[in-house]
All heavy atoms as atom14 arrays in JSON, in Angstrom:
{
  "sequence": "SVPIVFFTRKGSLEDANEALSQGATAVLKKPDATGGQHDATA",
  "atom14_mask": [
    [1, 1, 1, 1, 1, 1, 0, 0, 0, 0, 0, 0, 0, 0],
    [1, 1, 1, 1, 1, 1, 1, 0, 0, 0, 0, 0, 0, 0],
    [1, 1, 1, 1, 1, 1, 1, 0, 0, 0, 0, 0, 0, 0],
    [1, 1, 1, 1, 1, 1, 1, 1, 0, 0, 0, 0, 0, 0],
    [1, 1, 1, 1, 1, 1, 1, 0, 0, 0, 0, 0, 0, 0],
    [1, 1, 1, 1, 1, 1, 1, 1, 1, 1, 1, 0, 0, 0],
    [1, 1, 1, 1, 1, 1, 1, 1, 1, 1, 1, 0, 0, 0],
    [1, 1, 1, 1, 1, 1, 1, 0, 0, 0, 0, 0, 0, 0],
    [1, 1, 1, 1, 1, 1, 1, 1, 1, 1, 1, 0, 0, 0],
    [1, 1, 1, 1, 1, 1, 1, 1, 1, 0, 0, 0, 0, 0],
    [1, 1, 1, 1, 0, 0, 0, 0, 0, 0, 0, 0, 0, 0],
    [1, 1, 1, 1, 1, 1, 0, 0, 0, 0, 0, 0, 0, 0],
    [1, 1, 1, 1, 1, 1, 1, 1, 0, 0, 0, 0, 0, 0],
    [1, 1, 1, 1, 1, 1, 1, 1, 1, 0, 0, 0, 0, 0],
    [1, 1, 1, 1, 1, 1, 1, 1, 0, 0, 0, 0, 0, 0],
    [1, 1, 1, 1, 1, 0, 0, 0, 0, 0, 0, 0, 0, 0],
    [1, 1, 1, 1, 1, 1, 1, 1, 0, 0, 0, 0, 0, 0],
    [1, 1, 1, 1, 1, 1, 1, 1, 1, 0, 0, 0, 0, 0],
    [1, 1, 1, 1, 1, 0, 0, 0, 0, 0, 0, 0, 0, 0],
    [1, 1, 1, 1, 1, 1, 1, 1, 0, 0, 0, 0, 0, 0],
    [1, 1, 1, 1, 1, 1, 0, 0, 0, 0, 0, 0, 0, 0],
    [1, 1, 1, 1, 1, 1, 1, 1, 1, 0, 0, 0, 0, 0],
    [1, 1, 1, 1, 0, 0, 0, 0, 0, 0, 0, 0, 0, 0],
    [1, 1, 1, 1, 1, 0, 0, 0, 0, 0, 0, 0, 0, 0],
    [1, 1, 1, 1, 1, 1, 1, 0, 0, 0, 0, 0, 0, 0],
    [1, 1, 1, 1, 1, 0, 0, 0, 0, 0, 0, 0, 0, 0],
    [1, 1, 1, 1, 1, 1, 1, 0, 0, 0, 0, 0, 0, 0],
    [1, 1, 1, 1, 1, 1, 1, 1, 0, 0, 0, 0, 0, 0],
    [1, 1, 1, 1, 1, 1, 1, 1, 1, 0, 0, 0, 0, 0],
    [1, 1, 1, 1, 1, 1, 1, 1, 1, 0, 0, 0, 0, 0],
    [1, 1, 1, 1, 1, 1, 1, 0, 0, 0, 0, 0, 0, 0],
    [1, 1, 1, 1, 1, 1, 1, 1, 0, 0, 0, 0, 0, 0],
    [1, 1, 1, 1, 1, 0, 0, 0, 0, 0, 0, 0, 0, 0],
    [1, 1, 1, 1, 1, 1, 1, 0, 0, 0, 0, 0, 0, 0],
    [1, 1, 1, 1, 0, 0, 0, 0, 0, 0, 0, 0, 0, 0],
    [1, 1, 1, 1, 0, 0, 0, 0, 0, 0, 0, 0, 0, 0],
    [1, 1, 1, 1, 1, 1, 1, 1, 1, 0, 0, 0, 0, 0],
    [1, 1, 1, 1, 1, 1, 1, 1, 1, 1, 0, 0, 0, 0],
    [1, 1, 1, 1, 1, 1, 1, 1, 0, 0, 0, 0, 0, 0],
    [1, 1, 1, 1, 1, 0, 0, 0, 0, 0, 0, 0, 0, 0],
    [1, 1, 1, 1, 1, 1, 1, 0, 0, 0, 0, 0, 0, 0],
    [1, 1, 1, 1, 1, 0, 0, 0, 0, 0, 0, 0, 0, 0]
  ],
  "atom14_positions": [
    [[7.18, 141.49, 235.35], [6.43, 141.4, 234.1], [5.31, 142.44, 233.98], [4.63, 142.5, 232.97], [5.81, 140.0, 233.97], [4.87, 139.76, 235.01], [0.0, 0.0, 0.0], [0.0, 0.0, 0.0], [0.0, 0.0, 0.0], [0.0, 0.0, 0.0], [0.0, 0.0, 0.0], [0.0, 0.0, 0.0], [0.0, 0.0, 0.0], [0.0, 0.0, 0.0]],
    [[5.13, 143.26, 235.02], [4.07, 144.26, 235.0], [4.65, 145.6, 234.54], [5.63, 146.07, 235.1], [3.43, 144.42, 236.39], [2.33, 145.5, 236.36], [2.84, 143.09, 236.85], [0.0, 0.0, 0.0], [0.0, 0.0, 0.0], [0.0, 0.0, 0.0], [0.0, 0.0, 0.0], [0.0, 0.0, 0.0], [0.0, 0.0, 0.0], [0.0, 0.0, 0.0]],
    [[4.05, 146.22, 233.51], [4.59, 147.49, 233.02], [4.49, 148.6, 234.07], [3.55, 148.63, 234.86], [3.74, 147.8, 231.79], [2.49, 147.02, 231.97], [2.87, 145.78, 232.74], [0.0, 0.0, 0.0], [0.0, 0.0, 0.0], [0.0, 0.0, 0.0], [0.0, 0.0, 0.0], [0.0, 0.0, 0.0], [0.0, 0.0, 0.0], [0.0, 0.0, 0.0]],
    [[5.46, 149.49, 234.03], [5.49, 150.63, 234.95], [5.24, 151.9, 234.16], [5.9, 152.17, 233.15], [6.85, 150.71, 235.68], [7.01, 149.51, 236.63], [6.99, 152.03, 236.42], [8.37, 149.43, 237.27], [0.0, 0.0, 0.0], [0.0, 0.0, 0.0], [0.0, 0.0, 0.0], [0.0, 0.0, 0.0], [0.0, 0.0, 0.0], [0.0, 0.0, 0.0]],
    [[4.27, 152.68, 234.6], [3.93, 153.95, 233.97], [4.09, 155.06, 235.01], [3.5, 154.98, 236.09], [2.49, 153.94, 233.43], [2.12, 155.3, 232.84], [2.31, 152.84, 232.39], [0.0, 0.0, 0.0], [0.0, 0.0, 0.0], [0.0, 0.0, 0.0], [0.0, 0.0, 0.0], [0.0, 0.0, 0.0], [0.0, 0.0, 0.0], [0.0, 0.0, 0.0]],
    [[4.88, 156.06, 234.7], [5.0, 157.21, 235.6], [3.86, 158.2, 235.32], [3.47, 158.4, 234.18], [6.35, 157.9, 235.43], [7.48, 157.19, 236.12], [8.34, 156.37, 235.42], [7.68, 157.35, 237.48], [9.36, 155.7, 236.05], [8.7, 156.69, 238.14], [9.55, 155.86, 237.42], [0.0, 0.0, 0.0], [0.0, 0.0, 0.0], [0.0, 0.0, 0.0]],
    [[3.37, 158.78, 236.39], [2.25, 159.73, 236.31], [2.68, 160.96, 237.08], [2.79, 160.93, 238.31], [1.01, 159.07, 236.94], [-0.28, 159.78, 236.66], [-0.54, 160.37, 235.45], [-1.27, 159.82, 237.63], [-1.74, 161.0, 235.2], [-2.48, 160.44, 237.39], [-2.71, 161.03, 236.17], [0.0, 0.0, 0.0], [0.0, 0.0, 0.0], [0.0, 0.0, 0.0]],
    [[2.96, 162.05, 236.39], [3.6, 163.18, 237.05], [3.11, 164.52, 236.51], [2.75, 164.64, 235.35], [5.13, 163.1, 236.9], [5.75, 164.21, 237.56], [5.53, 163.11, 235.43], [0.0, 0.0, 0.0], [0.0, 0.0, 0.0], [0.0, 0.0, 0.0], [0.0, 0.0, 0.0], [0.0, 0.0, 0.0], [0.0, 0.0, 0.0], [0.0, 0.0, 0.0]],
    [[3.11, 165.5, 237.37], [2.85, 166.87, 236.97], [4.14, 167.69, 237.01], [4.26, 168.72, 236.36], [1.79, 167.49, 237.89], [1.35, 168.91, 237.49], [0.21, 169.4, 238.38], [-0.99, 168.6, 238.18], [-1.45, 167.71, 239.06], [-0.81, 167.5, 240.19], [-2.54, 167.02, 238.81], [0.0, 0.0, 0.0], [0.0, 0.0, 0.0], [0.0, 0.0, 0.0]],
    [[5.09, 167.23, 237.78], [6.32, 168.0, 238.02], [7.45, 167.61, 237.08], [8.43, 168.33, 236.96], [6.8, 167.81, 239.46], [5.75, 168.06, 240.54], [6.36, 167.89, 241.92], [5.33, 167.99, 243.03], [4.61, 166.72, 243.24], [0.0, 0.0, 0.0], [0.0, 0.0, 0.0], [0.0, 0.0, 0.0], [0.0, 0.0, 0.0], [0.0, 0.0, 0.0]],
    [[7.36, 166.44, 236.45], [8.47, 165.91, 235.69], [8.85, 166.76, 234.48], [7.99, 167.35, 233.83], [0.0, 0.0, 0.0], [0.0, 0.0, 0.0], [0.0, 0.0, 0.0], [0.0, 0.0, 0.0], [0.0, 0.0, 0.0], [0.0, 0.0, 0.0], [0.0, 0.0, 0.0], [0.0, 0.0, 0.0], [0.0, 0.0, 0.0], [0.0, 0.0, 0.0]],
    [[10.13, 166.78, 234.17], [10.65, 167.48, 233.01], [10.88, 166.49, 231.88], [10.75, 165.28, 232.05], [11.97, 168.18, 233.36], [12.95, 167.21, 233.69], [0.0, 0.0, 0.0], [0.0, 0.0, 0.0], [0.0, 0.0, 0.0], [0.0, 0.0, 0.0], [0.0, 0.0, 0.0], [0.0, 0.0, 0.0], [0.0, 0.0, 0.0], [0.0, 0.0, 0.0]],
    [[11.26, 167.01, 230.71], [11.59, 166.14, 229.59], [12.78, 165.25, 229.94], [12.81, 164.07, 229.59], [11.91, 167.0, 228.36], [12.31, 166.25, 227.09], [11.2, 165.31, 226.63], [12.66, 167.24, 225.98], [0.0, 0.0, 0.0], [0.0, 0.0, 0.0], [0.0, 0.0, 0.0], [0.0, 0.0, 0.0], [0.0, 0.0, 0.0], [0.0, 0.0, 0.0]],
    [[13.74, 165.81, 230.66], [14.91, 165.01, 231.08], [14.47, 163.88, 232.0], [14.98, 162.75, 231.89], [15.93, 165.91, 231.78], [16.65, 166.89, 230.87], [15.79, 168.1, 230.52], [14.72, 168.29, 231.15], [16.2, 168.87, 229.62], [0.0, 0.0, 0.0], [0.0, 0.0, 0.0], [0.0, 0.0, 0.0], [0.0, 0.0, 0.0], [0.0, 0.0, 0.0]],
    [[13.54, 164.16, 232.91], [13.03, 163.11, 233.8], [12.36, 162.0, 233.0], [12.54, 160.81, 233.28], [12.02, 163.7, 234.79], [12.65, 164.68, 235.76], [13.86, 164.55, 236.03], [11.93, 165.57, 236.25], [0.0, 0.0, 0.0], [0.0, 0.0, 0.0], [0.0, 0.0, 0.0], [0.0, 0.0, 0.0], [0.0, 0.0, 0.0], [0.0, 0.0, 0.0]],
    [[11.56, 162.39, 232.0], [10.85, 161.4, 231.18], [11.84, 160.53, 230.42], [11.69, 159.3, 230.36], [9.91, 162.1, 230.21], [0.0, 0.0, 0.0], [0.0, 0.0, 0.0], [0.0, 0.0, 0.0], [0.0, 0.0, 0.0], [0.0, 0.0, 0.0], [0.0, 0.0, 0.0], [0.0, 0.0, 0.0], [0.0, 0.0, 0.0], [0.0, 0.0, 0.0]],
    [[12.87, 161.14, 229.84], [13.87, 160.37, 229.1], [14.6, 159.39, 230.02], [14.86, 158.24, 229.64], [14.89, 161.31, 228.45], [14.31, 162.04, 227.25], [13.37, 161.57, 226.62], [14.87, 163.19, 226.93], [0.0, 0.0, 0.0], [0.0, 0.0, 0.0], [0.0, 0.0, 0.0], [0.0, 0.0, 0.0], [0.0, 0.0, 0.0], [0.0, 0.0, 0.0]],
    [[14.91, 159.84, 231.23], [15.6, 158.97, 232.19], [14.7, 157.8, 232.58], [15.15, 156.65, 232.66], [15.99, 159.78, 233.43], [16.72, 158.97, 234.5], [18.1, 158.51, 234.06], [18.63, 159.06, 233.08], [18.63, 157.57, 234.69], [0.0, 0.0, 0.0], [0.0, 0.0, 0.0], [0.0, 0.0, 0.0], [0.0, 0.0, 0.0], [0.0, 0.0, 0.0]],
    [[13.41, 158.08, 232.82], [12.48, 157.02, 233.19], [12.36, 155.98, 232.08], [12.38, 154.77, 232.34], [11.12, 157.63, 233.51], [0.0, 0.0, 0.0], [0.0, 0.0, 0.0], [0.0, 0.0, 0.0], [0.0, 0.0, 0.0], [0.0, 0.0, 0.0], [0.0, 0.0, 0.0], [0.0, 0.0, 0.0], [0.0, 0.0, 0.0], [0.0, 0.0, 0.0]],
    [[12.23, 156.44, 230.84], [12.09, 155.51, 229.72], [13.37, 154.71, 229.52], [13.32, 153.52, 229.2], [11.74, 156.29, 228.45], [10.37, 156.97, 228.45], [10.21, 157.85, 227.22], [9.24, 155.94, 228.52], [0.0, 0.0, 0.0], [0.0, 0.0, 0.0], [0.0, 0.0, 0.0], [0.0, 0.0, 0.0], [0.0, 0.0, 0.0], [0.0, 0.0, 0.0]],
    [[14.52, 155.35, 229.7], [15.79, 154.64, 229.53], [15.99, 153.57, 230.59], [16.72, 152.61, 230.38], [16.97, 155.62, 229.55], [17.17, 156.15, 230.86], [0.0, 0.0, 0.0], [0.0, 0.0, 0.0], [0.0, 0.0, 0.0], [0.0, 0.0, 0.0], [0.0, 0.0, 0.0], [0.0, 0.0, 0.0], [0.0, 0.0, 0.0], [0.0, 0.0, 0.0]],
    [[15.32, 153.72, 231.74], [15.44, 152.74, 232.81], [14.3, 151.71, 232.79], [14.12, 150.96, 233.74], [15.49, 153.44, 234.16], [16.76, 154.28, 234.34], [17.01, 154.65, 235.78], [16.54, 154.02, 236.71], [17.79, 155.71, 235.98], [0.0, 0.0, 0.0], [0.0, 0.0, 0.0], [0.0, 0.0, 0.0], [0.0, 0.0, 0.0], [0.0, 0.0, 0.0]],
    [[13.53, 151.7, 231.7], [12.58, 150.61, 231.51], [11.12, 150.93, 231.71], [10.27, 150.04, 231.6], [0.0, 0.0, 0.0], [0.0, 0.0, 0.0], [0.0, 0.0, 0.0], [0.0, 0.0, 0.0], [0.0, 0.0, 0.0], [0.0, 0.0, 0.0], [0.0, 0.0, 0.0], [0.0, 0.0, 0.0], [0.0, 0.0, 0.0], [0.0, 0.0, 0.0]],
    [[10.78, 152.18, 232.01], [9.36, 152.53, 232.14], [8.68, 152.38, 230.78], [9.28, 152.64, 229.74], [9.2, 153.96, 232.64], [0.0, 0.0, 0.0], [0.0, 0.0, 0.0], [0.0, 0.0, 0.0], [0.0, 0.0, 0.0], [0.0, 0.0, 0.0], [0.0, 0.0, 0.0], [0.0, 0.0, 0.0], [0.0, 0.0, 0.0], [0.0, 0.0, 0.0]],
    [[7.42, 151.95, 230.8], [6.68, 151.78, 229.57], [6.25, 153.13, 229.0], [6.25, 153.34, 227.78], [5.44, 150.91, 229.81], [5.87, 149.62, 230.27], [4.61, 150.74, 228.55], [0.0, 0.0, 0.0], [0.0, 0.0, 0.0], [0.0, 0.0, 0.0], [0.0, 0.0, 0.0], [0.0, 0.0, 0.0], [0.0, 0.0, 0.0], [0.0, 0.0, 0.0]],
    [[5.88, 154.05, 229.87], [5.41, 155.37, 229.41], [5.5, 156.35, 230.57], [5.63, 155.97, 231.73], [3.98, 155.28, 228.89], [0.0, 0.0, 0.0], [0.0, 0.0, 0.0], [0.0, 0.0, 0.0], [0.0, 0.0, 0.0], [0.0, 0.0, 0.0], [0.0, 0.0, 0.0], [0.0, 0.0, 0.0], [0.0, 0.0, 0.0], [0.0, 0.0, 0.0]],
    [[5.41, 157.63, 230.22], [5.32, 158.71, 231.2], [4.09, 159.53, 230.83], [4.04, 160.12, 229.75], [6.57, 159.6, 231.21], [6.41, 160.71, 232.25], [7.82, 158.77, 231.51], [0.0, 0.0, 0.0], [0.0, 0.0, 0.0], [0.0, 0.0, 0.0], [0.0, 0.0, 0.0], [0.0, 0.0, 0.0], [0.0, 0.0, 0.0], [0.0, 0.0, 0.0]],
    [[3.1, 159.53, 231.7], [1.87, 160.28, 231.45], [1.86, 161.54, 232.31], [2.34, 161.53, 233.45], [0.64, 159.43, 231.76], [0.51, 158.11, 230.98], [-0.77, 157.39, 231.38], [0.55, 158.36, 229.49], [0.0, 0.0, 0.0], [0.0, 0.0, 0.0], [0.0, 0.0, 0.0], [0.0, 0.0, 0.0], [0.0, 0.0, 0.0], [0.0, 0.0, 0.0]],
    [[1.27, 162.59, 231.77], [1.24, 163.87, 232.46], [-0.06, 164.01, 233.25], [-1.15, 163.81, 232.71], [1.37, 165.01, 231.46], [1.53, 166.38, 232.1], [1.74, 167.45, 231.03], [2.01, 168.81, 231.66], [0.91, 169.29, 232.51], [0.0, 0.0, 0.0], [0.0, 0.0, 0.0], [0.0, 0.0, 0.0], [0.0, 0.0, 0.0], [0.0, 0.0, 0.0]],
    [[0.07, 164.38, 234.52], [-1.12, 164.69, 235.31], [-1.73, 165.99, 234.81], [-1.0, 166.93, 234.49], [-0.75, 164.84, 236.79], [-0.3, 163.56, 237.48], [0.07, 163.83, 238.92], [0.55, 162.57, 239.62], [1.01, 162.84, 241.0], [0.0, 0.0, 0.0], [0.0, 0.0, 0.0], [0.0, 0.0, 0.0], [0.0, 0.0, 0.0], [0.0, 0.0, 0.0]],
    [[-3.05, 166.07, 234.73], [-3.68, 167.31, 234.25], [-3.34, 168.49, 235.15], [-3.22, 168.36, 236.37], [-5.18, 166.98, 234.31], [-5.25, 165.5, 234.3], [-4.03, 165.01, 235.0], [0.0, 0.0, 0.0], [0.0, 0.0, 0.0], [0.0, 0.0, 0.0], [0.0, 0.0, 0.0], [0.0, 0.0, 0.0], [0.0, 0.0, 0.0], [0.0, 0.0, 0.0]],
    [[-3.16, 169.66, 234.53], [-2.87, 170.88, 235.27], [-4.16, 171.62, 235.59], [-5.13, 171.58, 234.83], [-1.98, 171.81, 234.44], [-0.55, 171.3, 234.37], [-0.04, 170.86, 235.41], [0.03, 171.34, 233.27], [0.0, 0.0, 0.0], [0.0, 0.0, 0.0], [0.0, 0.0, 0.0], [0.0, 0.0, 0.0], [0.0, 0.0, 0.0], [0.0, 0.0, 0.0]],
    [[-4.17, 172.28, 236.73], [-5.3, 173.14, 237.1], [-5.16, 174.48, 236.39], [-4.06, 174.94, 236.11], [-5.33, 173.34, 238.61], [0.0, 0.0, 0.0], [0.0, 0.0, 0.0], [0.0, 0.0, 0.0], [0.0, 0.0, 0.0], [0.0, 0.0, 0.0], [0.0, 0.0, 0.0], [0.0, 0.0, 0.0], [0.0, 0.0, 0.0], [0.0, 0.0, 0.0]],
    [[-6.28, 175.09, 236.08], [-6.26, 176.41, 235.45], [-6.75, 177.45, 236.44], [-7.5, 177.15, 237.38], [-7.18, 176.43, 234.21], [-8.5, 176.03, 234.6], [-6.68, 175.45, 233.17], [0.0, 0.0, 0.0], [0.0, 0.0, 0.0], [0.0, 0.0, 0.0], [0.0, 0.0, 0.0], [0.0, 0.0, 0.0], [0.0, 0.0, 0.0], [0.0, 0.0, 0.0]],
    [[-6.31, 178.68, 236.23], [-6.73, 179.77, 237.12], [-5.82, 179.88, 238.32], [-4.95, 179.04, 238.57], [0.0, 0.0, 0.0], [0.0, 0.0, 0.0], [0.0, 0.0, 0.0], [0.0, 0.0, 0.0], [0.0, 0.0, 0.0], [0.0, 0.0, 0.0], [0.0, 0.0, 0.0], [0.0, 0.0, 0.0], [0.0, 0.0, 0.0], [0.0, 0.0, 0.0]],
    [[-6.0, 180.94, 239.08], [-5.17, 181.17, 240.26], [-5.8, 180.59, 241.52], [-6.98, 180.81, 241.78], [0.0, 0.0, 0.0], [0.0, 0.0, 0.0], [0.0, 0.0, 0.0], [0.0, 0.0, 0.0], [0.0, 0.0, 0.0], [0.0, 0.0, 0.0], [0.0, 0.0, 0.0], [0.0, 0.0, 0.0], [0.0, 0.0, 0.0], [0.0, 0.0, 0.0]],
    [[-5.04, 179.83, 242.26], [-5.52, 179.27, 243.53], [-4.6, 179.76, 244.64], [-3.39, 179.69, 244.51], [-5.53, 177.74, 243.49], [-6.47, 177.14, 242.45], [-5.81, 177.01, 241.1], [-4.63, 176.72, 241.0], [-6.57, 177.25, 240.04], [0.0, 0.0, 0.0], [0.0, 0.0, 0.0], [0.0, 0.0, 0.0], [0.0, 0.0, 0.0], [0.0, 0.0, 0.0]],
    [[-5.22, 180.21, 245.73], [-4.42, 180.85, 246.78], [-4.53, 180.14, 248.12], [-4.0, 180.64, 249.11], [-4.86, 182.31, 246.93], [-4.77, 183.1, 245.65], [-3.56, 183.45, 245.08], [-5.72, 183.55, 244.81], [-3.77, 184.11, 243.96], [-5.08, 184.19, 243.76], [0.0, 0.0, 0.0], [0.0, 0.0, 0.0], [0.0, 0.0, 0.0], [0.0, 0.0, 0.0]],
    [[-5.2, 178.99, 248.15], [-5.21, 178.21, 249.39], [-5.32, 176.74, 249.03], [-5.63, 176.37, 247.88], [-6.37, 178.63, 250.3], [-7.73, 178.43, 249.65], [-8.16, 177.28, 249.52], [-8.34, 179.45, 249.26], [0.0, 0.0, 0.0], [0.0, 0.0, 0.0], [0.0, 0.0, 0.0], [0.0, 0.0, 0.0], [0.0, 0.0, 0.0], [0.0, 0.0, 0.0]],
    [[-5.05, 175.87, 250.01], [-4.97, 174.43, 249.76], [-6.28, 173.87, 249.23], [-6.28, 173.01, 248.33], [-4.56, 173.72, 251.04], [0.0, 0.0, 0.0], [0.0, 0.0, 0.0], [0.0, 0.0, 0.0], [0.0, 0.0, 0.0], [0.0, 0.0, 0.0], [0.0, 0.0, 0.0], [0.0, 0.0, 0.0], [0.0, 0.0, 0.0], [0.0, 0.0, 0.0]],
    [[-7.41, 174.32, 249.74], [-8.71, 173.81, 249.3], [-8.96, 174.16, 247.84], [-9.43, 173.34, 247.05], [-9.85, 174.38, 250.17], [-9.62, 173.99, 251.54], [-11.2, 173.85, 249.72], [0.0, 0.0, 0.0], [0.0, 0.0, 0.0], [0.0, 0.0, 0.0], [0.0, 0.0, 0.0], [0.0, 0.0, 0.0], [0.0, 0.0, 0.0], [0.0, 0.0, 0.0]],
    [[-8.65, 175.39, 247.46], [-8.85, 175.82, 246.07], [-7.96, 175.03, 245.12], [-8.39, 174.66, 244.01], [-8.58, 177.32, 245.94], [0.0, 0.0, 0.0], [0.0, 0.0, 0.0], [0.0, 0.0, 0.0], [0.0, 0.0, 0.0], [0.0, 0.0, 0.0], [0.0, 0.0, 0.0], [0.0, 0.0, 0.0], [0.0, 0.0, 0.0], [0.0, 0.0, 0.0]]
  ]
}
């Protein structure tokens, strides 16, 4: 009875459609970082 929401940065439109067709309530996009980062800390 608890809604499932996917939270993703990598997902495609096809992934979102598949998730919704399998009963997910929504697919939310994780915010993207801006600028160039060249190490894990950045």
